Amino acid sequence: MEPKPETSDLTVYLAADKVIDHDHQLVRETAAKLRAEAPELHDYAKAAFEFVRDTIQHSDDSGDLRVTWRASDVLEQRTGICYAKAHALAALLRAEGIPTGLCYQFLGVVHGLVAIRLPGYDRWARQDPRGNKPGVDSQFSLGEERLAWVPDPAEGEFDFPTLYAATPPPVLECLQQATDRPHLWRTLPTKL
């Protein structure tokens, strides 16, 4: 499913803010290192995706109790849930001029991912950097989606239609107010 952008102005999907802080030195350094290894924009996008998916642990999988939300903190602490990992990936992609938005699925609670619009492509392509584990195999793709999960309408699951330029308040508030991951797990949003 291709999400619907909030606006046709792609510059909003390149902006830095307090969450997707791609103007932070650590984000810039990480992006520069990845770009040096993958100079073509498509290759860079895939490298950034795999970097976040594979080197930043999903805190539930690893048992890490810390809650991160700002992209630079996610990169520094190498941990986060789906929202935090999406923020880190969005920052790395925006740092190199790739329009990136935040999108969500309802899977009993809200699950976060990103959508990118590479130059030369006429559509947004969703990517899920959540992290693979048995039963989860998310891959970078600009064609057929290879997300961690496909919503099951019979279970009341669905894709939220909007492509957000900034983190929606229910997601950001639950991350910022959580004292640790168990607290966060009890307060994950079910609506945007």
N, C-alpha and C. Protein backbone atom coordinates (compact mmCIF):
# COMPACT_ATOMS: atom_id res chain seq x y z
N MET A 1 0.84 -1.18 0.00
CA MET A 1 0.00 0.00 0.00
C MET A 1 0.89 1.24 0.00
N GLU A 2 0.65 2.14 -0.92
CA GLU A 2 1.40 3.39 -0.93
C GLU A 2 0.69 4.42 -0.05
N PRO A 3 1.36 4.93 0.97
CA PRO A 3 0.71 5.91 1.85
C PRO A 3 0.49 7.24 1.13
N LYS A 4 -0.48 7.99 1.61
CA LYS A 4 -0.82 9.29 1.03
C LYS A 4 -0.08 10.39 1.78
N PRO A 5 0.78 11.15 1.08
CA PRO A 5 1.51 12.23 1.74
C PRO A 5 0.57 13.30 2.29
N GLU A 6 0.99 13.93 3.38
CA GLU A 6 0.23 15.03 3.96
C GLU A 6 0.20 16.22 3.00
N THR A 7 1.24 16.33 2.18
CA THR A 7 1.38 17.44 1.24
C THR A 7 2.19 16.96 0.04
N SER A 8 2.05 17.66 -1.07
CA SER A 8 2.85 17.32 -2.24
C SER A 8 4.22 17.99 -2.19
N ASP A 9 4.45 18.84 -1.19
CA ASP A 9 5.73 19.53 -1.02
C ASP A 9 6.75 18.57 -0.40
N LEU A 10 7.64 18.04 -1.24
CA LEU A 10 8.61 17.05 -0.75
C LEU A 10 9.60 17.63 0.26
N THR A 11 9.76 18.94 0.30
CA THR A 11 10.73 19.52 1.24
C THR A 11 10.36 19.23 2.69
N VAL A 12 9.07 19.04 2.99
CA VAL A 12 8.70 18.73 4.38
C VAL A 12 9.19 17.34 4.77
N TYR A 13 9.44 16.49 3.77
CA TYR A 13 9.94 15.14 4.04
C TYR A 13 11.48 15.10 4.03
N LEU A 14 12.08 16.29 4.03
CA LEU A 14 13.53 16.42 4.14
C LEU A 14 13.93 17.21 5.38
N ALA A 15 12.95 17.74 6.10
CA ALA A 15 13.21 18.64 7.22
C ALA A 15 13.78 17.92 8.43
N ALA A 16 14.59 18.65 9.18
CA ALA A 16 15.09 18.18 10.48
C ALA A 16 14.16 18.74 11.55
N ASP A 17 13.97 17.99 12.61
CA ASP A 17 13.21 18.47 13.76
C ASP A 17 13.82 17.84 15.02
N LYS A 18 13.15 17.96 16.16
CA LYS A 18 13.73 17.45 17.41
C LYS A 18 13.78 15.92 17.45
N VAL A 19 13.01 15.26 16.61
CA VAL A 19 12.99 13.80 16.57
C VAL A 19 13.90 13.27 15.46
N ILE A 20 13.67 13.76 14.26
CA ILE A 20 14.47 13.36 13.10
C ILE A 20 15.56 14.42 12.94
N ASP A 21 16.52 14.36 13.83
CA ASP A 21 17.54 15.41 13.96
C ASP A 21 18.75 15.12 13.07
N HIS A 22 18.52 15.13 11.77
CA HIS A 22 19.60 14.80 10.84
C HIS A 22 20.66 15.89 10.74
N ASP A 23 20.46 16.99 11.44
CA ASP A 23 21.50 18.00 11.53
C ASP A 23 22.48 17.70 12.69
N HIS A 24 22.23 16.68 13.46
CA HIS A 24 23.10 16.29 14.58
C HIS A 24 24.39 15.67 14.03
N GLN A 25 25.51 15.95 14.69
CA GLN A 25 26.82 15.51 14.22
C GLN A 25 26.90 13.99 14.05
N LEU A 26 26.36 13.22 15.00
CA LEU A 26 26.44 11.77 14.90
C LEU A 26 25.65 11.25 13.69
N VAL A 27 24.50 11.84 13.43
CA VAL A 27 23.71 11.44 12.27
C VAL A 27 24.50 11.74 11.00
N ARG A 28 25.07 12.94 10.92
CA ARG A 28 25.82 13.35 9.73
C ARG A 28 27.04 12.45 9.52
N GLU A 29 27.75 12.15 10.60
CA GLU A 29 28.94 11.29 10.49
C GLU A 29 28.56 9.88 10.04
N THR A 30 27.48 9.35 10.60
CA THR A 30 27.03 8.01 10.22
C THR A 30 26.61 7.99 8.76
N ALA A 31 25.86 9.01 8.34
CA ALA A 31 25.42 9.10 6.95
C ALA A 31 26.62 9.20 6.01
N ALA A 32 27.60 10.01 6.38
CA ALA A 32 28.79 10.19 5.54
C ALA A 32 29.57 8.88 5.40
N LYS A 33 29.68 8.14 6.49
CA LYS A 33 30.39 6.86 6.44
C LYS A 33 29.66 5.87 5.52
N LEU A 34 28.34 5.80 5.68
CA LEU A 34 27.55 4.89 4.83
C LEU A 34 27.61 5.32 3.37
N ARG A 35 27.57 6.62 3.12
CA ARG A 35 27.59 7.12 1.74
C ARG A 35 28.95 6.86 1.09
N ALA A 36 30.03 6.92 1.87
CA ALA A 36 31.36 6.63 1.33
C ALA A 36 31.44 5.17 0.85
N GLU A 37 30.73 4.29 1.55
CA GLU A 37 30.72 2.87 1.18
C GLU A 37 29.70 2.56 0.09
N ALA A 38 28.71 3.44 -0.08
CA ALA A 38 27.64 3.23 -1.06
C ALA A 38 27.31 4.58 -1.71
N PRO A 39 28.14 5.02 -2.67
CA PRO A 39 27.97 6.37 -3.21
C PRO A 39 26.71 6.61 -4.05
N GLU A 40 26.18 5.58 -4.70
CA GLU A 40 24.95 5.75 -5.48
C GLU A 40 23.77 5.86 -4.51
N LEU A 41 22.83 6.76 -4.79
CA LEU A 41 21.74 7.03 -3.87
C LEU A 41 20.90 5.79 -3.56
N HIS A 42 20.59 4.99 -4.54
CA HIS A 42 19.83 3.76 -4.30
C HIS A 42 20.60 2.84 -3.36
N ASP A 43 21.89 2.68 -3.63
CA ASP A 43 22.73 1.82 -2.78
C ASP A 43 22.84 2.38 -1.36
N TYR A 44 22.93 3.71 -1.27
CA TYR A 44 22.99 4.35 0.04
C TYR A 44 21.70 4.07 0.82
N ALA A 45 20.55 4.24 0.16
CA ALA A 45 19.26 4.01 0.84
C ALA A 45 19.20 2.58 1.38
N LYS A 46 19.63 1.62 0.58
CA LYS A 46 19.63 0.23 1.03
C LYS A 46 20.62 0.03 2.18
N ALA A 47 21.80 0.64 2.08
CA ALA A 47 22.80 0.50 3.14
C ALA A 47 22.31 1.12 4.45
N ALA A 48 21.65 2.27 4.37
CA ALA A 48 21.12 2.92 5.58
C ALA A 48 20.03 2.04 6.20
N PHE A 49 19.15 1.49 5.36
CA PHE A 49 18.11 0.60 5.85
C PHE A 49 18.72 -0.60 6.58
N GLU A 50 19.67 -1.26 5.93
CA GLU A 50 20.29 -2.45 6.52
C GLU A 50 21.08 -2.10 7.78
N PHE A 51 21.70 -0.94 7.80
CA PHE A 51 22.43 -0.49 8.99
C PHE A 51 21.48 -0.38 10.18
N VAL A 52 20.35 0.29 9.98
CA VAL A 52 19.40 0.46 11.08
C VAL A 52 18.75 -0.87 11.44
N ARG A 53 18.33 -1.62 10.44
CA ARG A 53 17.68 -2.91 10.71
C ARG A 53 18.60 -3.86 11.47
N ASP A 54 19.89 -3.89 11.08
CA ASP A 54 20.78 -4.94 11.57
C ASP A 54 21.70 -4.53 12.72
N THR A 55 22.01 -3.25 12.87
CA THR A 55 22.97 -2.87 13.92
C THR A 55 22.34 -2.16 15.10
N ILE A 56 21.10 -1.75 14.97
CA ILE A 56 20.38 -1.16 16.10
C ILE A 56 19.38 -2.20 16.57
N GLN A 57 19.58 -2.68 17.77
CA GLN A 57 18.75 -3.76 18.30
C GLN A 57 17.34 -3.27 18.61
N HIS A 58 16.35 -4.06 18.23
CA HIS A 58 14.98 -3.78 18.70
C HIS A 58 14.99 -4.11 20.19
N SER A 59 14.64 -3.16 21.01
CA SER A 59 14.82 -3.32 22.45
C SER A 59 14.00 -4.48 23.04
N ASP A 60 12.88 -4.82 22.42
CA ASP A 60 12.12 -5.95 22.94
C ASP A 60 12.85 -7.26 22.63
N ASP A 61 13.44 -7.35 21.45
CA ASP A 61 14.18 -8.57 21.08
C ASP A 61 15.42 -8.75 21.96
N SER A 62 16.09 -7.65 22.26
CA SER A 62 17.35 -7.74 23.00
C SER A 62 17.16 -7.69 24.52
N GLY A 63 15.96 -7.31 24.97
CA GLY A 63 15.73 -7.18 26.41
C GLY A 63 16.20 -5.87 26.99
N ASP A 64 16.59 -4.93 26.15
CA ASP A 64 17.07 -3.62 26.61
C ASP A 64 15.89 -2.83 27.17
N LEU A 65 16.03 -2.29 28.36
CA LEU A 65 14.95 -1.56 29.00
C LEU A 65 14.91 -0.08 28.64
N ARG A 66 15.96 0.42 27.97
CA ARG A 66 16.00 1.85 27.63
C ARG A 66 14.98 2.19 26.54
N VAL A 67 14.47 3.42 26.62
CA VAL A 67 13.54 3.93 25.61
C VAL A 67 14.23 5.09 24.91
N THR A 68 14.38 4.98 23.61
CA THR A 68 14.96 6.04 22.80
C THR A 68 13.88 6.56 21.85
N TRP A 69 14.03 7.81 21.44
CA TRP A 69 13.08 8.35 20.46
C TRP A 69 13.74 9.30 19.47
N ARG A 70 14.73 10.05 19.89
CA ARG A 70 15.44 10.98 18.99
C ARG A 70 16.42 10.18 18.14
N ALA A 71 16.47 10.46 16.85
CA ALA A 71 17.31 9.69 15.93
C ALA A 71 18.76 9.61 16.40
N SER A 72 19.33 10.72 16.82
CA SER A 72 20.73 10.71 17.25
C SER A 72 20.93 9.83 18.49
N ASP A 73 19.96 9.79 19.38
CA ASP A 73 20.06 8.93 20.57
C ASP A 73 19.94 7.46 20.19
N VAL A 74 19.08 7.17 19.22
CA VAL A 74 18.94 5.79 18.74
C VAL A 74 20.28 5.32 18.16
N LEU A 75 20.92 6.17 17.35
CA LEU A 75 22.21 5.80 16.77
C LEU A 75 23.29 5.66 17.83
N GLU A 76 23.27 6.53 18.83
CA GLU A 76 24.29 6.48 19.87
C GLU A 76 24.11 5.25 20.77
N GLN A 77 22.86 4.99 21.20
CA GLN A 77 22.61 3.92 22.16
C GLN A 77 22.39 2.56 21.49
N ARG A 78 22.18 2.57 20.17
CA ARG A 78 22.01 1.33 19.38
C ARG A 78 20.85 0.47 19.87
N THR A 79 19.76 1.14 20.26
CA THR A 79 18.57 0.42 20.70
C THR A 79 17.34 1.26 20.44
N GLY A 80 16.21 0.58 20.32
CA GLY A 80 14.94 1.28 20.16
C GLY A 80 13.87 0.34 19.65
N ILE A 81 12.62 0.75 19.82
CA ILE A 81 11.52 -0.03 19.24
C ILE A 81 11.30 0.47 17.81
N CYS A 82 10.27 -0.04 17.17
CA CYS A 82 10.03 0.26 15.75
C CYS A 82 10.00 1.76 15.48
N TYR A 83 9.34 2.55 16.34
CA TYR A 83 9.25 4.00 16.10
C TYR A 83 10.64 4.62 16.10
N ALA A 84 11.42 4.28 17.09
CA ALA A 84 12.76 4.86 17.23
C ALA A 84 13.65 4.47 16.05
N LYS A 85 13.56 3.22 15.63
CA LYS A 85 14.36 2.78 14.49
C LYS A 85 13.90 3.48 13.21
N ALA A 86 12.61 3.72 13.07
CA ALA A 86 12.10 4.49 11.92
C ALA A 86 12.64 5.92 11.96
N HIS A 87 12.71 6.51 13.14
CA HIS A 87 13.26 7.87 13.26
C HIS A 87 14.73 7.91 12.83
N ALA A 88 15.49 6.90 13.25
CA ALA A 88 16.91 6.84 12.88
C ALA A 88 17.08 6.68 11.37
N LEU A 89 16.30 5.80 10.77
CA LEU A 89 16.40 5.61 9.33
C LEU A 89 15.97 6.86 8.59
N ALA A 90 14.89 7.48 9.02
CA ALA A 90 14.44 8.72 8.37
C ALA A 90 15.54 9.78 8.43
N ALA A 91 16.20 9.90 9.56
CA ALA A 91 17.26 10.91 9.70
C ALA A 91 18.42 10.61 8.75
N LEU A 92 18.84 9.35 8.69
CA LEU A 92 19.96 9.00 7.80
C LEU A 92 19.60 9.25 6.33
N LEU A 93 18.38 8.94 5.95
CA LEU A 93 17.97 9.15 4.56
C LEU A 93 17.80 10.63 4.25
N ARG A 94 17.16 11.37 5.14
CA ARG A 94 16.99 12.82 4.92
C ARG A 94 18.34 13.53 4.89
N ALA A 95 19.29 13.04 5.68
CA ALA A 95 20.62 13.65 5.71
C ALA A 95 21.27 13.64 4.34
N GLU A 96 20.90 12.69 3.50
CA GLU A 96 21.46 12.59 2.15
C GLU A 96 20.46 13.00 1.07
N GLY A 97 19.43 13.74 1.48
CA GLY A 97 18.50 14.33 0.51
C GLY A 97 17.43 13.40 -0.02
N ILE A 98 17.15 12.30 0.67
CA ILE A 98 16.11 11.37 0.23
C ILE A 98 14.83 11.68 1.01
N PRO A 99 13.77 12.14 0.32
CA PRO A 99 12.51 12.40 1.03
C PRO A 99 12.04 11.12 1.74
N THR A 100 11.76 11.27 3.03
CA THR A 100 11.37 10.13 3.86
C THR A 100 10.27 10.56 4.81
N GLY A 101 9.20 9.78 4.85
CA GLY A 101 8.10 10.05 5.76
C GLY A 101 7.89 8.88 6.70
N LEU A 102 7.08 9.12 7.70
CA LEU A 102 6.76 8.11 8.70
C LEU A 102 5.36 7.57 8.40
N CYS A 103 5.23 6.25 8.43
CA CYS A 103 3.93 5.65 8.20
C CYS A 103 3.73 4.54 9.23
N TYR A 104 2.49 4.09 9.34
CA TYR A 104 2.14 3.21 10.45
C TYR A 104 1.15 2.13 10.03
N GLN A 105 1.19 1.06 10.79
CA GLN A 105 0.24 -0.03 10.66
C GLN A 105 -0.44 -0.22 12.02
N PHE A 106 -1.67 -0.71 12.01
CA PHE A 106 -2.33 -1.11 13.25
C PHE A 106 -2.27 -2.63 13.30
N LEU A 107 -1.53 -3.15 14.28
CA LEU A 107 -1.35 -4.59 14.48
C LEU A 107 -1.71 -4.96 15.91
N GLY A 108 -2.83 -4.40 16.39
CA GLY A 108 -3.20 -4.51 17.80
C GLY A 108 -2.75 -3.28 18.55
N VAL A 109 -1.58 -2.77 18.20
CA VAL A 109 -1.06 -1.46 18.60
C VAL A 109 -0.48 -0.85 17.33
N VAL A 110 -0.11 0.41 17.41
CA VAL A 110 0.47 1.10 16.26
C VAL A 110 1.92 0.65 16.06
N HIS A 111 2.24 0.24 14.84
CA HIS A 111 3.60 -0.17 14.46
C HIS A 111 4.14 0.86 13.48
N GLY A 112 5.42 1.27 13.67
CA GLY A 112 6.00 2.32 12.84
C GLY A 112 6.99 1.83 11.81
N LEU A 113 6.96 2.47 10.65
CA LEU A 113 7.90 2.22 9.56
C LEU A 113 8.09 3.52 8.79
N VAL A 114 8.79 3.47 7.68
CA VAL A 114 9.02 4.68 6.88
C VAL A 114 8.63 4.41 5.43
N ALA A 115 8.49 5.49 4.68
CA ALA A 115 8.34 5.39 3.23
C ALA A 115 9.32 6.38 2.61
N ILE A 116 9.98 5.95 1.54
CA ILE A 116 10.98 6.79 0.88
C ILE A 116 10.56 7.06 -0.56
N ARG A 117 11.06 8.17 -1.07
CA ARG A 117 10.81 8.52 -2.47
C ARG A 117 12.14 8.87 -3.09
N LEU A 118 12.76 7.88 -3.69
CA LEU A 118 14.05 8.10 -4.35
C LEU A 118 13.86 8.88 -5.64
N PRO A 119 14.79 9.77 -5.96
CA PRO A 119 14.72 10.46 -7.25
C PRO A 119 14.66 9.45 -8.39
N GLY A 120 13.81 9.74 -9.37
CA GLY A 120 13.63 8.82 -10.49
C GLY A 120 12.51 7.82 -10.30
N TYR A 121 11.97 7.73 -9.08
CA TYR A 121 10.84 6.84 -8.81
C TYR A 121 9.60 7.70 -8.61
N ASP A 122 8.47 7.24 -9.13
CA ASP A 122 7.26 8.05 -9.07
C ASP A 122 6.31 7.64 -7.95
N ARG A 123 6.84 6.88 -6.98
CA ARG A 123 5.98 6.44 -5.88
C ARG A 123 6.80 6.34 -4.59
N TRP A 124 6.08 6.33 -3.49
CA TRP A 124 6.67 6.12 -2.18
C TRP A 124 6.80 4.62 -1.94
N ALA A 125 7.91 4.21 -1.39
CA ALA A 125 8.15 2.79 -1.10
C ALA A 125 8.34 2.61 0.40
N ARG A 126 7.47 1.82 1.01
CA ARG A 126 7.57 1.61 2.46
C ARG A 126 8.70 0.63 2.78
N GLN A 127 9.37 0.92 3.90
CA GLN A 127 10.47 0.10 4.40
C GLN A 127 10.26 -0.09 5.90
N ASP A 128 10.55 -1.27 6.40
CA ASP A 128 10.38 -1.54 7.83
C ASP A 128 11.71 -1.97 8.45
N PRO A 129 12.40 -1.02 9.14
CA PRO A 129 13.71 -1.32 9.72
C PRO A 129 13.64 -1.96 11.11
N ARG A 130 12.50 -2.51 11.48
CA ARG A 130 12.27 -3.06 12.81
C ARG A 130 13.36 -4.01 13.27
N GLY A 131 13.86 -4.83 12.38
CA GLY A 131 14.86 -5.84 12.73
C GLY A 131 14.30 -7.22 12.54
N ASN A 132 15.08 -8.08 11.92
CA ASN A 132 14.62 -9.43 11.63
C ASN A 132 14.87 -10.36 12.82
N LYS A 133 14.07 -11.39 12.87
CA LYS A 133 14.16 -12.45 13.88
C LYS A 133 13.37 -13.62 13.31
N PRO A 134 13.37 -14.77 13.94
CA PRO A 134 12.57 -15.87 13.39
C PRO A 134 11.12 -15.43 13.16
N GLY A 135 10.65 -15.65 11.95
CA GLY A 135 9.29 -15.26 11.60
C GLY A 135 9.15 -13.84 11.07
N VAL A 136 10.23 -13.07 11.10
CA VAL A 136 10.22 -11.69 10.59
C VAL A 136 11.37 -11.55 9.61
N ASP A 137 11.04 -11.19 8.36
CA ASP A 137 12.06 -11.05 7.33
C ASP A 137 11.77 -9.81 6.50
N SER A 138 12.15 -8.66 7.01
CA SER A 138 11.94 -7.39 6.32
C SER A 138 13.16 -7.10 5.45
N GLN A 139 12.92 -6.72 4.20
CA GLN A 139 13.99 -6.45 3.26
C GLN A 139 13.76 -5.10 2.57
N PHE A 140 14.84 -4.47 2.15
CA PHE A 140 14.74 -3.23 1.38
C PHE A 140 14.17 -3.55 0.01
N SER A 141 13.18 -2.79 -0.42
CA SER A 141 12.60 -3.01 -1.74
C SER A 141 11.93 -1.74 -2.23
N LEU A 142 12.16 -1.43 -3.49
CA LEU A 142 11.46 -0.32 -4.12
C LEU A 142 10.31 -0.83 -4.98
N GLY A 143 10.17 -2.14 -5.09
CA GLY A 143 9.09 -2.76 -5.84
C GLY A 143 8.08 -3.37 -4.88
N GLU A 144 7.94 -4.68 -4.96
CA GLU A 144 7.02 -5.37 -4.06
C GLU A 144 7.49 -5.22 -2.61
N GLU A 145 6.58 -4.85 -1.73
CA GLU A 145 6.95 -4.61 -0.34
C GLU A 145 7.44 -5.88 0.34
N ARG A 146 8.45 -5.70 1.18
CA ARG A 146 9.01 -6.80 1.98
C ARG A 146 9.07 -6.34 3.44
N LEU A 147 7.88 -6.07 4.01
CA LEU A 147 7.77 -5.54 5.36
C LEU A 147 7.80 -6.66 6.40
N ALA A 148 7.97 -6.28 7.65
CA ALA A 148 7.99 -7.26 8.74
C ALA A 148 6.65 -7.98 8.85
N TRP A 149 5.56 -7.23 8.69
CA TRP A 149 4.23 -7.82 8.81
C TRP A 149 3.29 -7.26 7.75
N VAL A 150 2.36 -8.08 7.35
CA VAL A 150 1.27 -7.66 6.48
C VAL A 150 0.01 -7.69 7.35
N PRO A 151 -0.68 -6.55 7.48
CA PRO A 151 -1.88 -6.54 8.32
C PRO A 151 -2.93 -7.56 7.85
N ASP A 152 -3.60 -8.17 8.81
CA ASP A 152 -4.65 -9.14 8.54
C ASP A 152 -6.00 -8.48 8.85
N PRO A 153 -6.76 -8.08 7.82
CA PRO A 153 -8.05 -7.43 8.05
C PRO A 153 -9.01 -8.27 8.89
N ALA A 154 -8.92 -9.60 8.79
CA ALA A 154 -9.79 -10.47 9.60
C ALA A 154 -9.52 -10.31 11.09
N GLU A 155 -8.30 -9.85 11.43
CA GLU A 155 -7.93 -9.60 12.83
C GLU A 155 -8.10 -8.13 13.22
N GLY A 156 -8.67 -7.33 12.31
CA GLY A 156 -8.85 -5.90 12.58
C GLY A 156 -7.60 -5.08 12.32
N GLU A 157 -6.61 -5.68 11.67
CA GLU A 157 -5.35 -4.98 11.39
C GLU A 157 -5.47 -4.22 10.06
N PHE A 158 -4.71 -3.12 9.96
CA PHE A 158 -4.77 -2.31 8.74
C PHE A 158 -3.57 -1.38 8.66
N ASP A 159 -3.38 -0.82 7.46
CA ASP A 159 -2.37 0.21 7.24
C ASP A 159 -3.02 1.57 7.43
N PHE A 160 -2.40 2.44 8.22
CA PHE A 160 -2.86 3.81 8.30
C PHE A 160 -2.53 4.47 6.96
N PRO A 161 -3.41 5.28 6.40
CA PRO A 161 -3.21 5.80 5.05
C PRO A 161 -2.23 6.97 4.93
N THR A 162 -1.97 7.69 6.01
CA THR A 162 -1.22 8.95 5.92
C THR A 162 0.29 8.74 6.02
N LEU A 163 1.00 9.49 5.19
CA LEU A 163 2.46 9.56 5.27
C LEU A 163 2.81 10.85 5.99
N TYR A 164 3.35 10.73 7.19
CA TYR A 164 3.61 11.88 8.06
C TYR A 164 5.02 12.42 7.83
N ALA A 165 5.15 13.73 7.86
CA ALA A 165 6.46 14.38 7.79
C ALA A 165 7.11 14.42 9.17
N ALA A 166 6.31 14.48 10.20
CA ALA A 166 6.80 14.52 11.59
C ALA A 166 6.07 13.45 12.40
N THR A 167 6.66 13.05 13.49
CA THR A 167 6.07 12.01 14.35
C THR A 167 4.73 12.47 14.91
N PRO A 168 3.67 11.69 14.73
CA PRO A 168 2.37 12.06 15.29
C PRO A 168 2.42 12.13 16.82
N PRO A 169 1.69 13.06 17.43
CA PRO A 169 1.73 13.23 18.89
C PRO A 169 1.51 11.95 19.70
N PRO A 170 0.55 11.07 19.37
CA PRO A 170 0.40 9.87 20.22
C PRO A 170 1.66 9.01 20.28
N VAL A 171 2.40 8.92 19.18
CA VAL A 171 3.62 8.12 19.15
C VAL A 171 4.71 8.82 19.96
N LEU A 172 4.91 10.10 19.70
CA LEU A 172 5.98 10.83 20.39
C LEU A 172 5.72 10.90 21.89
N GLU A 173 4.49 11.15 22.29
CA GLU A 173 4.17 11.26 23.72
C GLU A 173 4.41 9.94 24.44
N CYS A 174 4.03 8.82 23.85
CA CYS A 174 4.24 7.55 24.55
C CYS A 174 5.73 7.28 24.72
N LEU A 175 6.54 7.62 23.71
CA LEU A 175 7.99 7.43 23.82
C LEU A 175 8.59 8.34 24.89
N GLN A 176 8.22 9.61 24.86
CA GLN A 176 8.81 10.58 25.79
C GLN A 176 8.37 10.36 27.24
N GLN A 177 7.19 9.81 27.45
CA GLN A 177 6.68 9.64 28.81
C GLN A 177 7.04 8.30 29.44
N ALA A 178 7.54 7.38 28.64
CA ALA A 178 7.86 6.05 29.18
C ALA A 178 9.11 6.10 30.05
N THR A 179 9.04 5.49 31.20
CA THR A 179 10.18 5.44 32.11
C THR A 179 11.13 4.30 31.75
N ASP A 180 10.59 3.27 31.11
CA ASP A 180 11.39 2.14 30.63
C ASP A 180 10.54 1.38 29.61
N ARG A 181 11.12 0.38 28.99
CA ARG A 181 10.39 -0.34 27.94
C ARG A 181 9.14 -1.05 28.45
N PRO A 182 9.15 -1.71 29.64
CA PRO A 182 7.90 -2.30 30.12
C PRO A 182 6.78 -1.26 30.27
N HIS A 183 7.14 -0.07 30.76
CA HIS A 183 6.14 1.01 30.86
C HIS A 183 5.67 1.39 29.47
N LEU A 184 6.61 1.50 28.53
CA LEU A 184 6.26 1.84 27.16
C LEU A 184 5.31 0.81 26.57
N TRP A 185 5.58 -0.47 26.83
CA TRP A 185 4.74 -1.55 26.27
C TRP A 185 3.31 -1.43 26.73
N ARG A 186 3.11 -0.92 27.96
CA ARG A 186 1.75 -0.77 28.50
C ARG A 186 1.04 0.45 27.92
N THR A 187 1.79 1.37 27.30
CA THR A 187 1.18 2.63 26.86
C THR A 187 1.28 2.85 25.34
N LEU A 188 1.63 1.80 24.59
CA LEU A 188 1.72 1.95 23.14
C LEU A 188 0.38 2.41 22.59
N PRO A 189 0.39 3.36 21.66
CA PRO A 189 -0.87 3.87 21.13
C PRO A 189 -1.60 2.85 20.25
N THR A 190 -2.91 2.98 20.23
CA THR A 190 -3.74 2.17 19.34
C THR A 190 -4.39 3.03 18.28
N LYS A 191 -4.23 4.36 18.40
CA LYS A 191 -4.78 5.31 17.43
C LYS A 191 -3.75 6.39 17.14
N LEU A 192 -3.91 7.03 15.98
CA LEU A 192 -3.04 8.17 15.65
C LEU A 192 -3.85 9.45 15.67
